[in-house]
All heavy atoms as atom14 arrays in JSON, in Angstrom:
{
  "sequence": "VISDLSDDAQVDLVALMWLGRDGYTASDWADVRQQAADAHNERTAAY",
  "atom14_mask": [
    [1, 1, 1, 1, 1, 1, 1, 0, 0, 0, 0, 0, 0, 0],
    [1, 1, 1, 1, 1, 1, 1, 1, 0, 0, 0, 0, 0, 0],
    [1, 1, 1, 1, 1, 1, 0, 0, 0, 0, 0, 0, 0, 0],
    [1, 1, 1, 1, 1, 1, 1, 1, 0, 0, 0, 0, 0, 0],
    [1, 1, 1, 1, 1, 1, 1, 1, 0, 0, 0, 0, 0, 0],
    [1, 1, 1, 1, 1, 1, 0, 0, 0, 0, 0, 0, 0, 0],
    [1, 1, 1, 1, 1, 1, 1, 1, 0, 0, 0, 0, 0, 0],
    [1, 1, 1, 1, 1, 1, 1, 1, 0, 0, 0, 0, 0, 0],
    [1, 1, 1, 1, 1, 0, 0, 0, 0, 0, 0, 0, 0, 0],
    [1, 1, 1, 1, 1, 1, 1, 1, 1, 0, 0, 0, 0, 0],
    [1, 1, 1, 1, 1, 1, 1, 0, 0, 0, 0, 0, 0, 0],
    [1, 1, 1, 1, 1, 1, 1, 1, 0, 0, 0, 0, 0, 0],
    [1, 1, 1, 1, 1, 1, 1, 1, 0, 0, 0, 0, 0, 0],
    [1, 1, 1, 1, 1, 1, 1, 0, 0, 0, 0, 0, 0, 0],
    [1, 1, 1, 1, 1, 0, 0, 0, 0, 0, 0, 0, 0, 0],
    [1, 1, 1, 1, 1, 1, 1, 1, 0, 0, 0, 0, 0, 0],
    [1, 1, 1, 1, 1, 1, 1, 1, 0, 0, 0, 0, 0, 0],
    [1, 1, 1, 1, 1, 1, 1, 1, 1, 1, 1, 1, 1, 1],
    [1, 1, 1, 1, 1, 1, 1, 1, 0, 0, 0, 0, 0, 0],
    [1, 1, 1, 1, 0, 0, 0, 0, 0, 0, 0, 0, 0, 0],
    [1, 1, 1, 1, 1, 1, 1, 1, 1, 1, 1, 0, 0, 0],
    [1, 1, 1, 1, 1, 1, 1, 1, 0, 0, 0, 0, 0, 0],
    [1, 1, 1, 1, 0, 0, 0, 0, 0, 0, 0, 0, 0, 0],
    [1, 1, 1, 1, 1, 1, 1, 1, 1, 1, 1, 1, 0, 0],
    [1, 1, 1, 1, 1, 1, 1, 0, 0, 0, 0, 0, 0, 0],
    [1, 1, 1, 1, 1, 0, 0, 0, 0, 0, 0, 0, 0, 0],
    [1, 1, 1, 1, 1, 1, 0, 0, 0, 0, 0, 0, 0, 0],
    [1, 1, 1, 1, 1, 1, 1, 1, 0, 0, 0, 0, 0, 0],
    [1, 1, 1, 1, 1, 1, 1, 1, 1, 1, 1, 1, 1, 1],
    [1, 1, 1, 1, 1, 0, 0, 0, 0, 0, 0, 0, 0, 0],
    [1, 1, 1, 1, 1, 1, 1, 1, 0, 0, 0, 0, 0, 0],
    [1, 1, 1, 1, 1, 1, 1, 0, 0, 0, 0, 0, 0, 0],
    [1, 1, 1, 1, 1, 1, 1, 1, 1, 1, 1, 0, 0, 0],
    [1, 1, 1, 1, 1, 1, 1, 1, 1, 0, 0, 0, 0, 0],
    [1, 1, 1, 1, 1, 1, 1, 1, 1, 0, 0, 0, 0, 0],
    [1, 1, 1, 1, 1, 0, 0, 0, 0, 0, 0, 0, 0, 0],
    [1, 1, 1, 1, 1, 0, 0, 0, 0, 0, 0, 0, 0, 0],
    [1, 1, 1, 1, 1, 1, 1, 1, 0, 0, 0, 0, 0, 0],
    [1, 1, 1, 1, 1, 0, 0, 0, 0, 0, 0, 0, 0, 0],
    [1, 1, 1, 1, 1, 1, 1, 1, 1, 1, 0, 0, 0, 0],
    [1, 1, 1, 1, 1, 1, 1, 1, 0, 0, 0, 0, 0, 0],
    [1, 1, 1, 1, 1, 1, 1, 1, 1, 0, 0, 0, 0, 0],
    [1, 1, 1, 1, 1, 1, 1, 1, 1, 1, 1, 0, 0, 0],
    [1, 1, 1, 1, 1, 1, 1, 0, 0, 0, 0, 0, 0, 0],
    [1, 1, 1, 1, 1, 0, 0, 0, 0, 0, 0, 0, 0, 0],
    [1, 1, 1, 1, 1, 0, 0, 0, 0, 0, 0, 0, 0, 0],
    [1, 1, 1, 1, 1, 1, 1, 1, 1, 1, 1, 1, 0, 0]
  ],
  "atom14_positions": [
    [[5.48, 27.19, -16.75], [4.53, 26.41, -15.95], [5.21, 25.27, -15.28], [5.06, 25.08, -14.06], [3.36, 25.91, -16.81], [2.51, 24.89, -16.12], [2.43, 27.06, -17.29], [0.0, 0.0, 0.0], [0.0, 0.0, 0.0], [0.0, 0.0, 0.0], [0.0, 0.0, 0.0], [0.0, 0.0, 0.0], [0.0, 0.0, 0.0], [0.0, 0.0, 0.0]],
    [[6.05, 24.6, -16.0], [6.82, 23.42, -15.44], [7.76, 23.9, -14.43], [7.87, 23.32, -13.31], [7.46, 22.59, -16.55], [6.43, 22.02, -17.49], [8.35, 21.51, -15.95], [6.95, 21.31, -18.72], [0.0, 0.0, 0.0], [0.0, 0.0, 0.0], [0.0, 0.0, 0.0], [0.0, 0.0, 0.0], [0.0, 0.0, 0.0], [0.0, 0.0, 0.0]],
    [[8.5, 24.97, -14.65], [9.5, 25.49, -13.71], [8.9, 25.95, -12.41], [9.49, 25.89, -11.35], [10.28, 26.64, -14.35], [11.07, 26.18, -15.41], [0.0, 0.0, 0.0], [0.0, 0.0, 0.0], [0.0, 0.0, 0.0], [0.0, 0.0, 0.0], [0.0, 0.0, 0.0], [0.0, 0.0, 0.0], [0.0, 0.0, 0.0], [0.0, 0.0, 0.0]],
    [[7.64, 26.47, -12.56], [7.0, 27.02, -11.37], [6.39, 25.94, -10.44], [5.95, 26.24, -9.32], [5.95, 27.94, -11.7], [6.48, 29.27, -12.3], [7.68, 29.54, -12.1], [5.74, 30.08, -12.9], [0.0, 0.0, 0.0], [0.0, 0.0, 0.0], [0.0, 0.0, 0.0], [0.0, 0.0, 0.0], [0.0, 0.0, 0.0], [0.0, 0.0, 0.0]],
    [[6.36, 24.69, -10.92], [5.83, 23.59, -10.13], [6.75, 23.26, -8.91], [8.0, 23.5, -9.03], [5.7, 22.31, -10.96], [4.65, 22.37, -12.07], [4.78, 21.06, -12.94], [3.27, 22.56, -11.5], [0.0, 0.0, 0.0], [0.0, 0.0, 0.0], [0.0, 0.0, 0.0], [0.0, 0.0, 0.0], [0.0, 0.0, 0.0], [0.0, 0.0, 0.0]],
    [[6.19, 22.72, -7.89], [7.09, 22.27, -6.74], [7.96, 21.11, -7.25], [7.68, 20.53, -8.27], [6.21, 21.83, -5.6], [5.48, 20.56, -5.95], [0.0, 0.0, 0.0], [0.0, 0.0, 0.0], [0.0, 0.0, 0.0], [0.0, 0.0, 0.0], [0.0, 0.0, 0.0], [0.0, 0.0, 0.0], [0.0, 0.0, 0.0], [0.0, 0.0, 0.0]],
    [[8.97, 20.86, -6.54], [9.89, 19.66, -6.84], [9.03, 18.35, -6.93], [9.28, 17.56, -7.85], [10.99, 19.55, -5.83], [12.0, 20.6, -5.98], [12.03, 21.38, -6.94], [12.92, 20.74, -5.07], [0.0, 0.0, 0.0], [0.0, 0.0, 0.0], [0.0, 0.0, 0.0], [0.0, 0.0, 0.0], [0.0, 0.0, 0.0], [0.0, 0.0, 0.0]],
    [[8.14, 18.14, -5.96], [7.36, 16.87, -6.0], [6.44, 16.83, -7.26], [6.27, 15.78, -7.79], [6.48, 16.78, -4.72], [7.26, 16.32, -3.52], [8.37, 15.71, -3.7], [6.8, 16.58, -2.41], [0.0, 0.0, 0.0], [0.0, 0.0, 0.0], [0.0, 0.0, 0.0], [0.0, 0.0, 0.0], [0.0, 0.0, 0.0], [0.0, 0.0, 0.0]],
    [[5.86, 17.96, -7.61], [4.99, 17.98, -8.79], [5.83, 17.76, -10.06], [5.42, 17.02, -10.95], [4.28, 19.37, -8.87], [0.0, 0.0, 0.0], [0.0, 0.0, 0.0], [0.0, 0.0, 0.0], [0.0, 0.0, 0.0], [0.0, 0.0, 0.0], [0.0, 0.0, 0.0], [0.0, 0.0, 0.0], [0.0, 0.0, 0.0], [0.0, 0.0, 0.0]],
    [[7.08, 18.26, -10.18], [7.95, 18.02, -11.25], [8.32, 16.56, -11.27], [8.35, 16.0, -12.38], [9.28, 18.91, -11.17], [8.96, 20.37, -11.38], [10.25, 21.21, -11.34], [11.35, 20.65, -11.32], [10.04, 22.48, -11.31], [0.0, 0.0, 0.0], [0.0, 0.0, 0.0], [0.0, 0.0, 0.0], [0.0, 0.0, 0.0], [0.0, 0.0, 0.0]],
    [[8.57, 15.95, -10.16], [8.86, 14.52, -10.12], [7.75, 13.71, -10.65], [7.91, 12.78, -11.44], [9.28, 14.14, -8.71], [9.32, 12.59, -8.56], [10.62, 14.71, -8.35], [0.0, 0.0, 0.0], [0.0, 0.0, 0.0], [0.0, 0.0, 0.0], [0.0, 0.0, 0.0], [0.0, 0.0, 0.0], [0.0, 0.0, 0.0], [0.0, 0.0, 0.0]],
    [[6.52, 14.05, -10.24], [5.29, 13.36, -10.69], [5.13, 13.48, -12.18], [4.79, 12.56, -12.85], [4.06, 13.86, -9.97], [3.87, 13.26, -8.61], [4.71, 12.35, -8.18], [2.89, 13.71, -7.89], [0.0, 0.0, 0.0], [0.0, 0.0, 0.0], [0.0, 0.0, 0.0], [0.0, 0.0, 0.0], [0.0, 0.0, 0.0], [0.0, 0.0, 0.0]],
    [[5.44, 14.7, -12.66], [5.25, 14.93, -14.15], [6.28, 14.03, -14.9], [5.93, 13.41, -15.93], [5.49, 16.43, -14.42], [4.95, 16.96, -15.73], [3.4, 16.71, -15.82], [5.23, 18.42, -15.85], [0.0, 0.0, 0.0], [0.0, 0.0, 0.0], [0.0, 0.0, 0.0], [0.0, 0.0, 0.0], [0.0, 0.0, 0.0], [0.0, 0.0, 0.0]],
    [[7.5, 14.0, -14.5], [8.54, 13.2, -15.18], [8.18, 11.7, -15.12], [8.23, 10.97, -16.02], [9.93, 13.42, -14.56], [10.95, 12.37, -15.12], [10.4, 14.82, -14.91], [0.0, 0.0, 0.0], [0.0, 0.0, 0.0], [0.0, 0.0, 0.0], [0.0, 0.0, 0.0], [0.0, 0.0, 0.0], [0.0, 0.0, 0.0], [0.0, 0.0, 0.0]],
    [[7.7, 11.27, -13.88], [7.26, 9.9, -13.68], [6.15, 9.54, -14.65], [6.13, 8.48, -15.2], [6.92, 9.66, -12.25], [0.0, 0.0, 0.0], [0.0, 0.0, 0.0], [0.0, 0.0, 0.0], [0.0, 0.0, 0.0], [0.0, 0.0, 0.0], [0.0, 0.0, 0.0], [0.0, 0.0, 0.0], [0.0, 0.0, 0.0], [0.0, 0.0, 0.0]],
    [[5.22, 10.43, -14.76], [4.07, 10.18, -15.66], [4.53, 10.07, -17.16], [4.07, 9.22, -17.85], [3.02, 11.32, -15.65], [2.0, 11.24, -14.48], [1.22, 12.55, -14.43], [1.1, 10.05, -14.63], [0.0, 0.0, 0.0], [0.0, 0.0, 0.0], [0.0, 0.0, 0.0], [0.0, 0.0, 0.0], [0.0, 0.0, 0.0], [0.0, 0.0, 0.0]],
    [[5.5, 10.95, -17.52], [6.03, 10.88, -18.86], [6.72, 9.5, -19.1], [6.5, 8.87, -20.08], [7.0, 12.02, -19.18], [7.22, 12.2, -20.62], [8.85, 12.3, -21.27], [10.05, 12.13, -20.05], [0.0, 0.0, 0.0], [0.0, 0.0, 0.0], [0.0, 0.0, 0.0], [0.0, 0.0, 0.0], [0.0, 0.0, 0.0], [0.0, 0.0, 0.0]],
    [[7.54, 9.14, -18.09], [8.21, 7.83, -18.22], [7.22, 6.62, -18.23], [7.44, 5.69, -18.96], [9.2, 7.67, -17.1], [10.4, 8.55, -17.22], [10.77, 9.38, -18.25], [11.46, 8.69, -16.2], [11.94, 10.03, -17.96], [12.4, 9.65, -16.79], [11.64, 8.15, -15.01], [13.52, 10.05, -16.03], [12.77, 8.58, -14.27], [13.67, 9.45, -14.81]],
    [[6.19, 6.76, -17.46], [5.21, 5.71, -17.33], [4.58, 5.51, -18.74], [4.41, 4.42, -19.23], [4.13, 6.12, -16.31], [3.31, 5.0, -15.69], [4.11, 4.17, -14.79], [2.14, 5.62, -14.96], [0.0, 0.0, 0.0], [0.0, 0.0, 0.0], [0.0, 0.0, 0.0], [0.0, 0.0, 0.0], [0.0, 0.0, 0.0], [0.0, 0.0, 0.0]],
    [[4.24, 6.63, -19.36], [3.56, 6.62, -20.74], [4.54, 6.26, -21.77], [4.16, 5.63, -22.83], [0.0, 0.0, 0.0], [0.0, 0.0, 0.0], [0.0, 0.0, 0.0], [0.0, 0.0, 0.0], [0.0, 0.0, 0.0], [0.0, 0.0, 0.0], [0.0, 0.0, 0.0], [0.0, 0.0, 0.0], [0.0, 0.0, 0.0], [0.0, 0.0, 0.0]],
    [[5.85, 6.68, -21.62], [6.76, 6.44, -22.69], [7.25, 4.99, -22.75], [7.5, 4.48, -23.84], [7.96, 7.38, -22.45], [9.15, 7.26, -23.5], [10.32, 7.98, -23.01], [10.89, 7.34, -21.91], [11.92, 7.86, -21.17], [12.46, 9.04, -21.49], [12.49, 7.18, -20.21], [0.0, 0.0, 0.0], [0.0, 0.0, 0.0], [0.0, 0.0, 0.0]],
    [[7.51, 4.46, -21.61], [8.09, 3.15, -21.52], [7.17, 2.0, -21.34], [7.56, 0.86, -21.14], [9.15, 3.21, -20.44], [10.32, 4.12, -20.72], [10.61, 4.38, -21.91], [10.92, 4.61, -19.76], [0.0, 0.0, 0.0], [0.0, 0.0, 0.0], [0.0, 0.0, 0.0], [0.0, 0.0, 0.0], [0.0, 0.0, 0.0], [0.0, 0.0, 0.0]],
    [[5.91, 2.29, -21.35], [4.92, 1.19, -21.34], [4.79, 0.51, -19.99], [4.41, -0.63, -19.86], [0.0, 0.0, 0.0], [0.0, 0.0, 0.0], [0.0, 0.0, 0.0], [0.0, 0.0, 0.0], [0.0, 0.0, 0.0], [0.0, 0.0, 0.0], [0.0, 0.0, 0.0], [0.0, 0.0, 0.0], [0.0, 0.0, 0.0], [0.0, 0.0, 0.0]],
    [[5.04, 1.21, -18.91], [4.84, 0.75, -17.59], [3.29, 0.61, -17.32], [2.52, 1.11, -18.04], [5.43, 1.69, -16.5], [6.97, 1.73, -16.52], [7.57, 2.77, -16.97], [7.68, 0.63, -16.04], [8.96, 2.88, -16.91], [9.06, 0.69, -15.98], [9.74, 1.84, -16.46], [11.05, 1.89, -16.43], [0.0, 0.0, 0.0], [0.0, 0.0, 0.0]],
    [[3.02, -0.03, -16.19], [1.61, -0.15, -15.75], [1.46, 0.59, -14.41], [2.48, 0.97, -13.8], [1.18, -1.6, -15.59], [1.96, -2.19, -14.52], [1.34, -2.44, -16.85], [0.0, 0.0, 0.0], [0.0, 0.0, 0.0], [0.0, 0.0, 0.0], [0.0, 0.0, 0.0], [0.0, 0.0, 0.0], [0.0, 0.0, 0.0], [0.0, 0.0, 0.0]],
    [[0.22, 0.73, -13.94], [0.03, 1.47, -12.71], [0.77, 0.82, -11.5], [1.16, 1.53, -10.61], [-1.54, 1.46, -12.4], [0.0, 0.0, 0.0], [0.0, 0.0, 0.0], [0.0, 0.0, 0.0], [0.0, 0.0, 0.0], [0.0, 0.0, 0.0], [0.0, 0.0, 0.0], [0.0, 0.0, 0.0], [0.0, 0.0, 0.0], [0.0, 0.0, 0.0]],
    [[0.93, -0.48, -11.62], [1.65, -1.18, -10.5], [3.14, -0.74, -10.43], [3.77, -0.96, -9.41], [1.54, -2.68, -10.58], [2.1, -3.12, -11.8], [0.0, 0.0, 0.0], [0.0, 0.0, 0.0], [0.0, 0.0, 0.0], [0.0, 0.0, 0.0], [0.0, 0.0, 0.0], [0.0, 0.0, 0.0], [0.0, 0.0, 0.0], [0.0, 0.0, 0.0]],
    [[3.64, -0.18, -11.48], [5.04, 0.27, -11.47], [5.23, 1.71, -11.01], [6.33, 2.18, -10.94], [5.59, 0.22, -12.94], [5.58, -1.18, -13.55], [5.93, -2.14, -12.82], [5.09, -1.34, -14.73], [0.0, 0.0, 0.0], [0.0, 0.0, 0.0], [0.0, 0.0, 0.0], [0.0, 0.0, 0.0], [0.0, 0.0, 0.0], [0.0, 0.0, 0.0]],
    [[4.1, 2.37, -10.7], [4.17, 3.81, -10.36], [5.21, 4.16, -9.27], [6.02, 5.05, -9.46], [2.8, 4.35, -9.87], [2.83, 5.69, -9.37], [2.75, 6.1, -8.11], [3.06, 6.85, -10.21], [2.88, 7.48, -8.02], [3.13, 7.99, -9.32], [3.25, 7.15, -11.48], [3.28, 9.26, -9.69], [3.44, 8.47, -11.98], [3.45, 9.52, -11.0]],
    [[5.2, 3.42, -8.15], [6.12, 3.72, -7.04], [7.59, 3.58, -7.45], [8.36, 4.55, -7.15], [5.84, 2.83, -5.91], [0.0, 0.0, 0.0], [0.0, 0.0, 0.0], [0.0, 0.0, 0.0], [0.0, 0.0, 0.0], [0.0, 0.0, 0.0], [0.0, 0.0, 0.0], [0.0, 0.0, 0.0], [0.0, 0.0, 0.0], [0.0, 0.0, 0.0]],
    [[7.88, 2.63, -8.23], [9.27, 2.47, -8.75], [9.68, 3.57, -9.68], [10.8, 4.1, -9.62], [9.47, 1.07, -9.38], [9.45, -0.07, -8.44], [9.67, 0.16, -7.2], [9.11, -1.18, -8.82], [0.0, 0.0, 0.0], [0.0, 0.0, 0.0], [0.0, 0.0, 0.0], [0.0, 0.0, 0.0], [0.0, 0.0, 0.0], [0.0, 0.0, 0.0]],
    [[8.77, 3.82, -10.61], [9.06, 4.9, -11.62], [9.14, 6.27, -10.98], [10.0, 7.03, -11.3], [7.93, 4.88, -12.74], [8.15, 6.08, -13.68], [8.0, 3.55, -13.46], [0.0, 0.0, 0.0], [0.0, 0.0, 0.0], [0.0, 0.0, 0.0], [0.0, 0.0, 0.0], [0.0, 0.0, 0.0], [0.0, 0.0, 0.0], [0.0, 0.0, 0.0]],
    [[8.25, 6.46, -10.01], [8.35, 7.79, -9.33], [9.63, 7.89, -8.54], [10.23, 8.97, -8.42], [7.13, 7.99, -8.41], [7.09, 9.45, -7.88], [6.04, 9.71, -6.85], [5.97, 11.1, -6.61], [6.86, 11.84, -5.99], [7.99, 11.33, -5.57], [6.73, 13.15, -5.76], [0.0, 0.0, 0.0], [0.0, 0.0, 0.0], [0.0, 0.0, 0.0]],
    [[10.07, 6.83, -7.94], [11.36, 6.88, -7.16], [12.53, 7.1, -8.08], [13.42, 7.9, -7.74], [11.54, 5.54, -6.4], [12.82, 5.56, -5.54], [12.78, 6.73, -4.5], [11.79, 6.83, -3.76], [13.79, 7.54, -4.43], [0.0, 0.0, 0.0], [0.0, 0.0, 0.0], [0.0, 0.0, 0.0], [0.0, 0.0, 0.0], [0.0, 0.0, 0.0]],
    [[12.48, 6.53, -9.3], [13.52, 6.82, -10.25], [13.49, 8.27, -10.66], [14.59, 8.85, -10.77], [13.38, 5.91, -11.46], [13.66, 4.4, -11.26], [13.18, 3.6, -12.44], [13.09, 4.04, -13.56], [12.99, 2.26, -12.15], [0.0, 0.0, 0.0], [0.0, 0.0, 0.0], [0.0, 0.0, 0.0], [0.0, 0.0, 0.0], [0.0, 0.0, 0.0]],
    [[12.37, 8.79, -10.89], [12.25, 10.23, -11.29], [12.75, 11.14, -10.11], [13.37, 12.13, -10.38], [10.82, 10.57, -11.63], [0.0, 0.0, 0.0], [0.0, 0.0, 0.0], [0.0, 0.0, 0.0], [0.0, 0.0, 0.0], [0.0, 0.0, 0.0], [0.0, 0.0, 0.0], [0.0, 0.0, 0.0], [0.0, 0.0, 0.0], [0.0, 0.0, 0.0]],
    [[12.4, 10.73, -8.9], [12.93, 11.52, -7.8], [14.39, 11.51, -7.65], [15.06, 12.54, -7.43], [12.25, 11.01, -6.43], [0.0, 0.0, 0.0], [0.0, 0.0, 0.0], [0.0, 0.0, 0.0], [0.0, 0.0, 0.0], [0.0, 0.0, 0.0], [0.0, 0.0, 0.0], [0.0, 0.0, 0.0], [0.0, 0.0, 0.0], [0.0, 0.0, 0.0]],
    [[15.01, 10.33, -7.93], [16.48, 10.19, -7.91], [17.13, 10.97, -8.95], [18.23, 11.51, -8.81], [16.86, 8.74, -8.0], [16.44, 7.88, -6.84], [16.15, 8.48, -5.73], [16.42, 6.63, -6.92], [0.0, 0.0, 0.0], [0.0, 0.0, 0.0], [0.0, 0.0, 0.0], [0.0, 0.0, 0.0], [0.0, 0.0, 0.0], [0.0, 0.0, 0.0]],
    [[16.47, 11.14, -10.08], [17.06, 11.87, -11.23], [16.67, 13.38, -11.27], [17.23, 14.07, -12.1], [16.57, 11.21, -12.57], [0.0, 0.0, 0.0], [0.0, 0.0, 0.0], [0.0, 0.0, 0.0], [0.0, 0.0, 0.0], [0.0, 0.0, 0.0], [0.0, 0.0, 0.0], [0.0, 0.0, 0.0], [0.0, 0.0, 0.0], [0.0, 0.0, 0.0]],
    [[15.89, 13.79, -10.33], [15.38, 15.17, -10.34], [16.56, 16.17, -10.27], [17.45, 15.96, -9.49], [14.37, 15.43, -9.19], [13.8, 16.84, -9.26], [14.29, 17.84, -8.46], [12.86, 17.35, -10.03], [13.64, 18.86, -8.75], [12.74, 18.62, -9.68], [0.0, 0.0, 0.0], [0.0, 0.0, 0.0], [0.0, 0.0, 0.0], [0.0, 0.0, 0.0]],
    [[16.44, 17.23, -11.01], [17.43, 18.3, -11.04], [16.75, 19.64, -11.42], [15.54, 19.63, -11.66], [18.69, 17.96, -11.86], [18.3, 17.74, -13.32], [17.54, 18.47, -13.95], [18.81, 16.65, -13.92], [0.0, 0.0, 0.0], [0.0, 0.0, 0.0], [0.0, 0.0, 0.0], [0.0, 0.0, 0.0], [0.0, 0.0, 0.0], [0.0, 0.0, 0.0]],
    [[17.55, 20.63, -11.69], [16.99, 21.95, -11.98], [16.66, 22.09, -13.48], [16.28, 23.18, -13.93], [18.0, 23.03, -11.62], [18.28, 23.06, -10.1], [17.08, 23.39, -9.28], [16.23, 24.26, -9.65], [16.84, 22.66, -8.24], [0.0, 0.0, 0.0], [0.0, 0.0, 0.0], [0.0, 0.0, 0.0], [0.0, 0.0, 0.0], [0.0, 0.0, 0.0]],
    [[16.9, 21.09, -14.28], [16.6, 21.15, -15.73], [15.37, 20.36, -16.15], [15.26, 20.03, -17.32], [17.83, 20.67, -16.46], [19.1, 21.43, -16.23], [20.35, 20.94, -16.98], [20.59, 19.49, -16.82], [21.28, 18.97, -15.81], [21.73, 19.74, -14.89], [21.49, 17.72, -15.76], [0.0, 0.0, 0.0], [0.0, 0.0, 0.0], [0.0, 0.0, 0.0]],
    [[14.44, 20.23, -15.25], [13.19, 19.42, -15.56], [12.43, 20.03, -16.7], [12.03, 19.33, -17.59], [12.39, 19.28, -14.3], [13.14, 18.65, -13.23], [11.13, 18.47, -14.61], [0.0, 0.0, 0.0], [0.0, 0.0, 0.0], [0.0, 0.0, 0.0], [0.0, 0.0, 0.0], [0.0, 0.0, 0.0], [0.0, 0.0, 0.0], [0.0, 0.0, 0.0]],
    [[12.25, 21.33, -16.67], [11.45, 21.99, -17.75], [12.09, 21.74, -19.08], [11.41, 21.41, -20.05], [11.18, 23.44, -17.47], [0.0, 0.0, 0.0], [0.0, 0.0, 0.0], [0.0, 0.0, 0.0], [0.0, 0.0, 0.0], [0.0, 0.0, 0.0], [0.0, 0.0, 0.0], [0.0, 0.0, 0.0], [0.0, 0.0, 0.0], [0.0, 0.0, 0.0]],
    [[13.41, 21.94, -19.19], [14.14, 21.78, -20.49], [14.05, 20.33, -20.88], [13.89, 20.07, -22.09], [15.54, 22.3, -20.29], [0.0, 0.0, 0.0], [0.0, 0.0, 0.0], [0.0, 0.0, 0.0], [0.0, 0.0, 0.0], [0.0, 0.0, 0.0], [0.0, 0.0, 0.0], [0.0, 0.0, 0.0], [0.0, 0.0, 0.0], [0.0, 0.0, 0.0]],
    [[14.19, 19.43, -19.9], [14.19, 18.04, -20.26], [12.78, 17.63, -20.86], [12.68, 16.95, -21.85], [14.43, 17.16, -19.01], [14.19, 15.73, -19.18], [14.97, 14.9, -19.99], [13.11, 15.14, -18.47], [14.71, 13.57, -20.16], [12.87, 13.72, -18.64], [13.7, 12.98, -19.47], [13.38, 11.67, -19.64], [0.0, 0.0, 0.0], [0.0, 0.0, 0.0]]
  ]
}
């Protein structure tokens, strides 16, 4: 399911996980999403 997502959807999923894991707030979304986009690779599902 994760592998079949578009790159943007995978980035959003990673950003959501980081948002919840690291205690960010909604106002941090743009920064967290950008960090996830910068880190995106072909191993998102395994990660």
